[in-house]
N, C-alpha and C. Protein backbone atom coordinates (compact mmCIF):
# COMPACT_ATOMS: atom_id res chain seq x y z
N MET A 1 0.86 -1.20 0.00
CA MET A 1 0.04 0.01 0.02
C MET A 1 0.92 1.25 0.00
N ASN A 2 0.55 2.35 -0.80
CA ASN A 2 1.43 3.51 -0.99
C ASN A 2 1.20 4.31 0.27
N ASP A 3 2.08 5.31 0.40
CA ASP A 3 2.07 6.24 1.48
C ASP A 3 0.71 7.10 1.43
N ARG A 4 0.26 7.45 0.16
CA ARG A 4 -0.87 8.23 -0.01
C ARG A 4 -1.99 7.43 0.55
N THR A 5 -2.13 6.28 0.19
CA THR A 5 -3.12 5.39 0.79
C THR A 5 -3.27 5.34 2.25
N ARG A 6 -1.97 5.12 2.78
CA ARG A 6 -1.98 4.99 4.28
C ARG A 6 -2.30 6.29 5.00
N ARG A 7 -1.94 7.37 4.36
CA ARG A 7 -2.46 8.74 5.04
C ARG A 7 -3.91 8.84 5.10
N ARG A 8 -4.42 8.45 3.85
CA ARG A 8 -5.99 8.62 3.83
C ARG A 8 -6.64 7.69 4.69
N ARG A 9 -6.11 6.50 4.87
CA ARG A 9 -6.66 5.43 5.72
C ARG A 9 -6.78 5.85 7.08
N ARG A 10 -5.87 6.83 7.59
CA ARG A 10 -5.90 7.24 9.05
C ARG A 10 -7.25 7.88 9.45
N ARG A 11 -8.02 8.27 8.41
CA ARG A 11 -9.40 8.82 8.64
C ARG A 11 -10.33 7.76 9.09
N LEU A 12 -10.08 6.57 8.72
CA LEU A 12 -10.99 5.49 9.03
C LEU A 12 -10.95 5.04 10.41
N THR A 13 -11.95 4.47 11.01
CA THR A 13 -11.92 3.85 12.31
C THR A 13 -11.58 2.47 12.23
N PRO A 14 -10.46 1.87 12.62
CA PRO A 14 -10.13 0.45 12.59
C PRO A 14 -11.12 -0.39 13.60
N VAL A 15 -11.50 -1.42 12.93
CA VAL A 15 -12.26 -2.41 13.70
C VAL A 15 -11.35 -3.40 14.28
N PRO A 16 -11.32 -3.61 15.67
CA PRO A 16 -10.35 -4.48 16.30
C PRO A 16 -10.30 -5.89 15.77
N HIS A 17 -11.38 -6.55 15.60
CA HIS A 17 -11.51 -7.90 14.98
C HIS A 17 -10.91 -7.98 13.56
N THR A 18 -11.02 -6.88 12.80
CA THR A 18 -10.48 -6.90 11.47
C THR A 18 -8.94 -7.03 11.33
N GLN A 19 -8.30 -6.37 12.28
CA GLN A 19 -6.83 -6.56 12.26
C GLN A 19 -6.36 -7.89 12.36
N SER A 20 -6.93 -8.61 13.42
CA SER A 20 -6.32 -10.00 13.59
C SER A 20 -6.77 -10.90 12.40
N LEU A 21 -8.03 -10.76 12.06
CA LEU A 21 -8.43 -11.42 10.86
C LEU A 21 -7.63 -11.11 9.53
N MET A 22 -7.28 -9.97 9.37
CA MET A 22 -6.34 -9.59 8.17
C MET A 22 -4.95 -10.17 8.33
N GLN A 23 -4.46 -10.37 9.49
CA GLN A 23 -3.26 -10.97 9.73
C GLN A 23 -3.32 -12.35 9.39
N ASP A 24 -4.40 -13.14 9.74
CA ASP A 24 -4.60 -14.56 9.29
C ASP A 24 -4.87 -14.60 7.72
N PHE A 25 -5.45 -13.63 7.20
CA PHE A 25 -5.65 -13.60 5.77
C PHE A 25 -4.36 -13.48 5.11
N SER A 26 -3.49 -12.60 5.61
CA SER A 26 -2.26 -12.31 5.05
C SER A 26 -1.41 -13.57 5.07
N GLY A 27 -1.30 -14.28 6.16
CA GLY A 27 -0.68 -15.65 6.31
C GLY A 27 -1.22 -16.63 5.37
N TRP A 28 -2.62 -16.67 5.23
CA TRP A 28 -3.19 -17.57 4.28
C TRP A 28 -2.69 -17.42 2.88
N ARG A 29 -2.56 -16.11 2.66
CA ARG A 29 -2.16 -15.67 1.20
C ARG A 29 -0.71 -16.18 1.02
N ILE A 30 0.12 -16.13 2.03
CA ILE A 30 1.48 -16.60 1.89
C ILE A 30 1.57 -18.06 1.52
N THR A 31 0.66 -18.80 2.17
CA THR A 31 0.54 -20.21 2.07
C THR A 31 0.07 -20.60 0.62
N LYS A 32 -0.55 -19.75 -0.10
CA LYS A 32 -1.20 -19.91 -1.33
C LYS A 32 -0.23 -19.36 -2.47
N GLY A 33 1.00 -18.79 -1.92
CA GLY A 33 1.85 -18.21 -2.90
C GLY A 33 1.43 -16.79 -3.44
N LEU A 34 0.57 -16.09 -2.66
CA LEU A 34 0.06 -14.94 -3.11
C LEU A 34 0.68 -13.77 -2.31
N ALA A 35 0.57 -12.46 -2.90
CA ALA A 35 1.14 -11.28 -2.22
C ALA A 35 0.35 -11.04 -0.74
N PRO A 36 1.20 -11.18 0.16
CA PRO A 36 0.47 -10.98 1.58
C PRO A 36 -0.02 -9.55 1.83
N ASP A 37 0.68 -8.56 1.26
CA ASP A 37 0.36 -7.04 1.59
C ASP A 37 -1.00 -6.79 0.90
N ASP A 38 -1.51 -7.52 -0.08
CA ASP A 38 -2.77 -7.09 -0.64
C ASP A 38 -3.97 -7.40 0.45
N ALA A 39 -3.65 -8.16 1.48
CA ALA A 39 -4.74 -8.21 2.52
C ALA A 39 -5.12 -6.84 3.03
N GLU A 40 -4.13 -5.86 3.02
CA GLU A 40 -4.43 -4.51 3.56
C GLU A 40 -5.58 -3.93 2.81
N LEU A 41 -5.77 -4.36 1.49
CA LEU A 41 -6.87 -3.80 0.67
C LEU A 41 -8.19 -4.12 1.30
N ILE A 42 -8.35 -5.39 1.71
CA ILE A 42 -9.51 -5.86 2.32
C ILE A 42 -9.79 -5.21 3.74
N GLU A 43 -8.62 -4.91 4.36
CA GLU A 43 -8.79 -4.26 5.82
C GLU A 43 -9.37 -2.80 5.42
N VAL A 44 -8.92 -2.05 4.33
CA VAL A 44 -9.52 -0.89 3.95
C VAL A 44 -10.97 -0.96 3.59
N LEU A 45 -11.34 -2.03 2.81
CA LEU A 45 -12.81 -2.25 2.48
C LEU A 45 -13.57 -2.35 3.72
N ALA A 46 -13.05 -3.32 4.71
CA ALA A 46 -13.74 -3.60 5.90
C ALA A 46 -13.97 -2.40 6.70
N ASP A 47 -12.93 -1.49 6.85
CA ASP A 47 -13.07 -0.33 7.51
C ASP A 47 -13.99 0.71 6.92
N LEU A 48 -14.10 0.74 5.65
CA LEU A 48 -15.09 1.71 4.83
C LEU A 48 -16.51 1.03 5.10
N LYS A 49 -16.63 -0.25 5.01
CA LYS A 49 -17.94 -0.84 5.33
C LYS A 49 -18.39 -0.46 6.73
N SER A 50 -17.52 -0.47 7.64
CA SER A 50 -18.05 -0.23 8.90
C SER A 50 -18.27 1.29 9.18
N ASP A 51 -17.36 2.28 8.67
CA ASP A 51 -17.54 3.61 8.74
C ASP A 51 -18.65 4.20 8.08
N GLU A 52 -18.71 3.76 6.74
CA GLU A 52 -19.67 4.44 5.75
C GLU A 52 -21.10 3.71 5.71
N LEU A 53 -21.13 2.42 5.97
CA LEU A 53 -22.44 1.68 5.87
C LEU A 53 -22.83 1.03 7.24
N ALA A 54 -22.18 1.38 8.28
CA ALA A 54 -22.56 0.83 9.65
C ALA A 54 -22.73 -0.74 9.59
N SER A 55 -21.76 -1.41 9.02
CA SER A 55 -21.70 -2.72 8.98
C SER A 55 -20.38 -3.36 9.40
N PRO A 56 -20.15 -3.50 10.67
CA PRO A 56 -18.65 -3.63 11.20
C PRO A 56 -18.17 -5.13 11.05
N ASP A 57 -18.97 -6.09 10.87
CA ASP A 57 -18.44 -7.35 10.85
C ASP A 57 -17.67 -7.71 9.56
N PRO A 58 -16.46 -7.98 9.64
CA PRO A 58 -15.68 -8.22 8.46
C PRO A 58 -15.83 -9.68 7.92
N THR A 59 -16.66 -10.45 8.39
CA THR A 59 -16.89 -11.74 7.88
C THR A 59 -18.20 -11.82 7.14
N VAL A 60 -19.19 -10.81 7.31
CA VAL A 60 -20.40 -10.69 6.72
C VAL A 60 -20.47 -9.60 5.50
N TRP A 61 -20.73 -10.07 4.40
CA TRP A 61 -20.66 -9.25 3.11
C TRP A 61 -21.90 -9.42 2.36
N PRO A 62 -23.06 -8.76 2.70
CA PRO A 62 -24.26 -8.90 1.94
C PRO A 62 -24.03 -8.36 0.45
N ALA A 63 -24.65 -8.85 -0.46
CA ALA A 63 -24.34 -8.45 -1.86
C ALA A 63 -24.61 -7.00 -2.14
N ALA A 64 -25.67 -6.48 -1.44
CA ALA A 64 -26.10 -5.06 -1.60
C ALA A 64 -25.01 -4.20 -1.11
N VAL A 65 -24.48 -4.57 0.12
CA VAL A 65 -23.42 -3.74 0.77
C VAL A 65 -22.23 -3.84 -0.07
N LEU A 66 -21.75 -5.05 -0.53
CA LEU A 66 -20.59 -5.09 -1.36
C LEU A 66 -20.70 -4.29 -2.55
N GLU A 67 -21.86 -4.41 -3.25
CA GLU A 67 -22.02 -3.60 -4.48
C GLU A 67 -21.84 -2.05 -4.22
N GLU A 68 -22.40 -1.68 -3.17
CA GLU A 68 -22.46 -0.24 -2.81
C GLU A 68 -21.04 0.21 -2.55
N LEU A 69 -20.39 -0.61 -1.79
CA LEU A 69 -18.99 -0.28 -1.43
C LEU A 69 -18.04 -0.10 -2.71
N LEU A 70 -18.21 -1.13 -3.68
CA LEU A 70 -17.38 -1.20 -4.79
C LEU A 70 -17.65 -0.19 -5.83
N GLU A 71 -19.00 0.31 -5.89
CA GLU A 71 -19.51 1.17 -6.95
C GLU A 71 -19.53 2.62 -6.54
N GLU A 72 -19.71 2.71 -5.21
CA GLU A 72 -19.80 4.04 -4.68
C GLU A 72 -18.91 4.54 -3.59
N VAL A 73 -18.81 3.92 -2.66
CA VAL A 73 -18.06 4.16 -1.46
C VAL A 73 -16.57 4.29 -1.72
N VAL A 74 -16.00 3.21 -2.41
CA VAL A 74 -14.60 3.25 -2.57
C VAL A 74 -14.06 4.28 -3.52
N PRO A 75 -14.80 4.43 -4.75
CA PRO A 75 -14.39 5.45 -5.56
C PRO A 75 -14.47 6.96 -4.91
N ARG A 76 -15.68 7.14 -4.09
CA ARG A 76 -15.87 8.44 -3.54
C ARG A 76 -14.86 8.71 -2.39
N ALA A 77 -14.36 7.66 -1.74
CA ALA A 77 -13.41 7.87 -0.49
C ALA A 77 -11.99 8.35 -1.17
N GLY A 78 -11.69 7.92 -2.31
CA GLY A 78 -10.46 8.24 -2.85
C GLY A 78 -9.24 7.69 -2.04
N ILE A 79 -9.44 6.68 -1.45
CA ILE A 79 -8.40 6.05 -0.52
C ILE A 79 -7.37 5.13 -1.36
N LEU A 80 -7.94 4.45 -2.29
CA LEU A 80 -7.04 3.49 -3.01
C LEU A 80 -6.63 4.28 -4.42
N ASP A 81 -5.45 3.92 -4.68
CA ASP A 81 -5.05 4.41 -6.12
C ASP A 81 -5.49 3.48 -7.10
N GLU A 82 -5.34 3.75 -8.42
CA GLU A 82 -5.78 2.96 -9.42
C GLU A 82 -5.19 1.47 -9.52
N GLN A 83 -3.96 1.28 -9.16
CA GLN A 83 -3.45 0.03 -9.09
C GLN A 83 -3.99 -0.81 -7.84
N GLU A 84 -4.33 -0.26 -6.85
CA GLU A 84 -4.99 -0.94 -5.75
C GLU A 84 -6.36 -1.29 -5.96
N ARG A 85 -7.03 -0.45 -6.68
CA ARG A 85 -8.37 -0.72 -7.04
C ARG A 85 -8.51 -1.91 -8.05
N ALA A 86 -7.53 -1.96 -8.95
CA ALA A 86 -7.51 -2.95 -9.94
C ALA A 86 -7.22 -4.32 -9.24
N ARG A 87 -6.52 -4.27 -8.04
CA ARG A 87 -6.20 -5.55 -7.37
C ARG A 87 -7.38 -5.94 -6.26
N LEU A 88 -8.31 -5.00 -6.10
CA LEU A 88 -9.22 -5.19 -5.03
C LEU A 88 -10.18 -6.38 -5.31
N LEU A 89 -10.77 -6.44 -6.53
CA LEU A 89 -11.66 -7.51 -6.76
C LEU A 89 -11.13 -8.86 -6.65
N PRO A 90 -9.90 -9.24 -7.42
CA PRO A 90 -9.25 -10.40 -7.23
C PRO A 90 -8.99 -10.73 -5.79
N THR A 91 -8.57 -9.75 -5.11
CA THR A 91 -8.09 -10.01 -3.64
C THR A 91 -9.25 -10.24 -2.84
N PHE A 92 -10.35 -9.60 -2.96
CA PHE A 92 -11.69 -9.82 -2.34
C PHE A 92 -12.10 -11.33 -2.59
N ARG A 93 -12.03 -11.75 -3.79
CA ARG A 93 -12.54 -13.15 -4.13
C ARG A 93 -11.53 -14.10 -3.52
N ASP A 94 -10.19 -13.90 -3.33
CA ASP A 94 -9.44 -14.64 -2.48
C ASP A 94 -9.92 -14.71 -1.01
N TYR A 95 -10.28 -13.47 -0.48
CA TYR A 95 -10.77 -13.31 0.84
C TYR A 95 -11.97 -14.22 1.16
N LEU A 96 -12.90 -14.13 0.13
CA LEU A 96 -14.07 -15.14 0.40
C LEU A 96 -13.72 -16.62 0.36
N VAL A 97 -12.73 -16.98 -0.45
CA VAL A 97 -12.28 -18.34 -0.40
C VAL A 97 -11.55 -18.56 1.01
N PHE A 98 -10.86 -17.53 1.41
CA PHE A 98 -10.21 -17.72 2.78
C PHE A 98 -11.30 -17.92 3.89
N LEU A 99 -12.36 -17.13 3.85
CA LEU A 99 -13.34 -17.14 4.89
C LEU A 99 -13.92 -18.55 4.87
N VAL A 100 -14.29 -19.14 3.77
CA VAL A 100 -14.75 -20.40 3.67
C VAL A 100 -13.72 -21.55 4.20
N ASP A 101 -12.48 -21.48 3.55
CA ASP A 101 -11.46 -22.35 4.01
C ASP A 101 -11.31 -22.42 5.57
N MET A 102 -11.25 -21.16 6.12
CA MET A 102 -10.98 -21.19 7.56
C MET A 102 -12.23 -21.28 8.36
N GLU A 103 -13.37 -21.41 7.78
CA GLU A 103 -14.65 -21.68 8.38
C GLU A 103 -14.93 -20.39 9.35
N VAL A 104 -14.61 -19.23 8.90
CA VAL A 104 -14.83 -18.03 9.59
C VAL A 104 -16.18 -17.25 9.10
N GLY A 105 -16.97 -16.85 10.10
CA GLY A 105 -18.11 -16.11 9.71
C GLY A 105 -19.34 -17.15 9.37
N PRO A 106 -20.33 -16.59 8.78
CA PRO A 106 -21.51 -17.31 8.41
C PRO A 106 -21.10 -18.40 7.53
N ALA A 107 -21.59 -19.57 7.69
CA ALA A 107 -21.23 -20.79 6.83
C ALA A 107 -22.31 -20.88 5.74
N ASP A 108 -22.16 -20.12 4.76
CA ASP A 108 -23.21 -20.12 3.74
C ASP A 108 -22.51 -20.13 2.40
N PRO A 109 -21.98 -21.37 1.81
CA PRO A 109 -21.34 -21.45 0.64
C PRO A 109 -22.18 -20.80 -0.67
N ALA A 110 -23.50 -20.91 -0.57
CA ALA A 110 -24.22 -20.39 -1.65
C ALA A 110 -24.13 -18.87 -1.67
N ALA A 111 -24.06 -18.23 -0.52
CA ALA A 111 -23.96 -16.71 -0.40
C ALA A 111 -22.67 -16.30 -0.88
N HIS A 112 -21.55 -17.01 -0.51
CA HIS A 112 -20.25 -16.83 -1.05
C HIS A 112 -20.06 -17.05 -2.56
N ALA A 113 -20.62 -17.97 -3.05
CA ALA A 113 -20.84 -18.21 -4.56
C ALA A 113 -21.44 -17.09 -5.21
N ALA A 114 -22.46 -16.57 -4.64
CA ALA A 114 -23.27 -15.50 -5.19
C ALA A 114 -22.44 -14.19 -5.28
N LEU A 115 -21.66 -14.02 -4.21
CA LEU A 115 -20.75 -12.91 -4.09
C LEU A 115 -19.63 -12.98 -5.07
N ILE A 116 -19.23 -14.05 -5.33
CA ILE A 116 -18.03 -14.24 -6.31
C ILE A 116 -18.57 -14.04 -7.80
N ALA A 117 -19.92 -14.50 -7.97
CA ALA A 117 -20.45 -14.16 -9.31
C ALA A 117 -20.73 -12.65 -9.27
N LEU A 118 -21.20 -12.02 -8.37
CA LEU A 118 -21.29 -10.55 -8.34
C LEU A 118 -19.81 -9.90 -8.76
N LEU A 119 -18.82 -10.32 -8.05
CA LEU A 119 -17.47 -9.71 -8.31
C LEU A 119 -17.18 -9.95 -9.85
N GLY A 120 -17.48 -10.99 -10.35
CA GLY A 120 -17.18 -11.23 -11.87
C GLY A 120 -18.10 -10.34 -12.61
N ASP A 121 -19.34 -10.05 -12.29
CA ASP A 121 -20.21 -9.15 -13.02
C ASP A 121 -19.64 -7.70 -12.87
N LEU A 122 -19.23 -7.28 -11.67
CA LEU A 122 -18.67 -5.94 -11.53
C LEU A 122 -17.38 -5.76 -12.33
N SER A 123 -16.47 -6.77 -12.36
CA SER A 123 -15.31 -6.56 -12.94
C SER A 123 -15.41 -6.48 -14.46
N ARG A 124 -16.46 -7.10 -14.94
CA ARG A 124 -16.79 -6.90 -16.40
C ARG A 124 -17.52 -5.57 -16.81
N THR A 125 -18.35 -5.20 -16.00
CA THR A 125 -19.20 -3.99 -16.28
C THR A 125 -18.57 -2.62 -15.81
N VAL A 126 -17.92 -2.48 -14.92
CA VAL A 126 -17.36 -1.26 -14.43
C VAL A 126 -15.83 -1.40 -13.95
N PRO A 127 -14.93 -1.44 -14.87
CA PRO A 127 -13.52 -1.53 -14.33
C PRO A 127 -13.20 -0.27 -13.61
N PRO A 128 -12.23 -0.38 -12.76
CA PRO A 128 -11.83 0.77 -11.84
C PRO A 128 -11.48 1.93 -12.68
N SER A 129 -10.81 1.80 -13.73
CA SER A 129 -10.39 2.94 -14.55
C SER A 129 -11.43 3.66 -15.17
N ARG A 130 -12.73 3.11 -15.23
CA ARG A 130 -13.70 3.76 -15.90
C ARG A 130 -14.61 4.49 -15.04
N ARG A 131 -14.26 4.80 -13.82
CA ARG A 131 -15.04 5.54 -12.74
C ARG A 131 -14.40 6.82 -12.56
N ASP A 132 -15.35 7.88 -12.23
CA ASP A 132 -14.73 9.17 -11.79
C ASP A 132 -14.70 9.22 -10.28
N PRO A 133 -14.17 10.19 -9.71
CA PRO A 133 -13.97 10.09 -8.27
C PRO A 133 -15.24 10.25 -7.53
N LEU A 134 -16.41 10.42 -8.19
CA LEU A 134 -17.61 10.44 -7.50
C LEU A 134 -18.26 9.12 -7.56
N GLY A 135 -17.71 8.19 -8.25
CA GLY A 135 -18.18 6.82 -8.41
C GLY A 135 -19.19 6.65 -9.51
N ARG A 136 -19.27 7.59 -10.33
CA ARG A 136 -20.30 7.58 -11.44
C ARG A 136 -19.66 6.67 -12.55
N ARG A 137 -20.52 5.99 -13.37
CA ARG A 137 -19.94 5.37 -14.53
C ARG A 137 -19.83 6.31 -15.61
N HIS A 138 -18.93 6.11 -16.49
CA HIS A 138 -18.69 6.92 -17.59
C HIS A 138 -19.56 6.43 -18.86
N LEU A 139 -20.33 7.19 -19.36
CA LEU A 139 -21.08 6.62 -20.58
C LEU A 139 -20.72 7.50 -21.79
N SER A 140 -20.58 6.89 -22.88
CA SER A 140 -20.37 7.52 -24.05
C SER A 140 -21.68 8.05 -24.69
N VAL A 141 -21.79 9.32 -25.12
CA VAL A 141 -22.88 9.87 -25.67
C VAL A 141 -22.64 9.89 -27.36
N VAL A 142 -23.58 9.13 -27.97
CA VAL A 142 -23.47 9.08 -29.42
C VAL A 142 -24.53 9.85 -29.98
N PRO A 143 -24.10 10.84 -30.90
CA PRO A 143 -25.26 11.72 -31.59
C PRO A 143 -26.13 10.84 -32.43
N ASP A 144 -27.43 11.34 -32.36
CA ASP A 144 -28.39 10.50 -32.95
C ASP A 144 -28.50 10.68 -34.62
N GLY A 145 -27.46 11.50 -35.09
CA GLY A 145 -27.46 11.72 -36.51
C GLY A 145 -28.43 12.90 -37.01
N ASP A 146 -28.81 13.82 -36.18
CA ASP A 146 -29.57 14.87 -36.64
C ASP A 146 -28.82 15.78 -37.43
């Protein structure tokens, strides 16, 4: 995580349970041969979820909450740079697998599968580089030929 991101993150209220869970996630990523530092991206997402959407449990991710976070809250917060936003969806997908593997949080494989499908939909429809700072989607206006 870059220095700019760390400075902006200081505005968020850390959730105590999140820090220990993210340490476990980081260790899990190492065992899978993945970059352990990307666990910080999920910690940012969990802190935003808690602060902005009053949903503090880092193991519970309703689809509507996740969609609002990724489409509105994260871009508006301006905490993550473009490279970090690009890694966010794949890292969150790994985090869902981690939660199931470690049997942490609600044991609902169908809900996790639905979230993974949602992540796939979001990655195809609204890539991070196509958003403005307010979280709006960029649309092309094509003249109607008048």
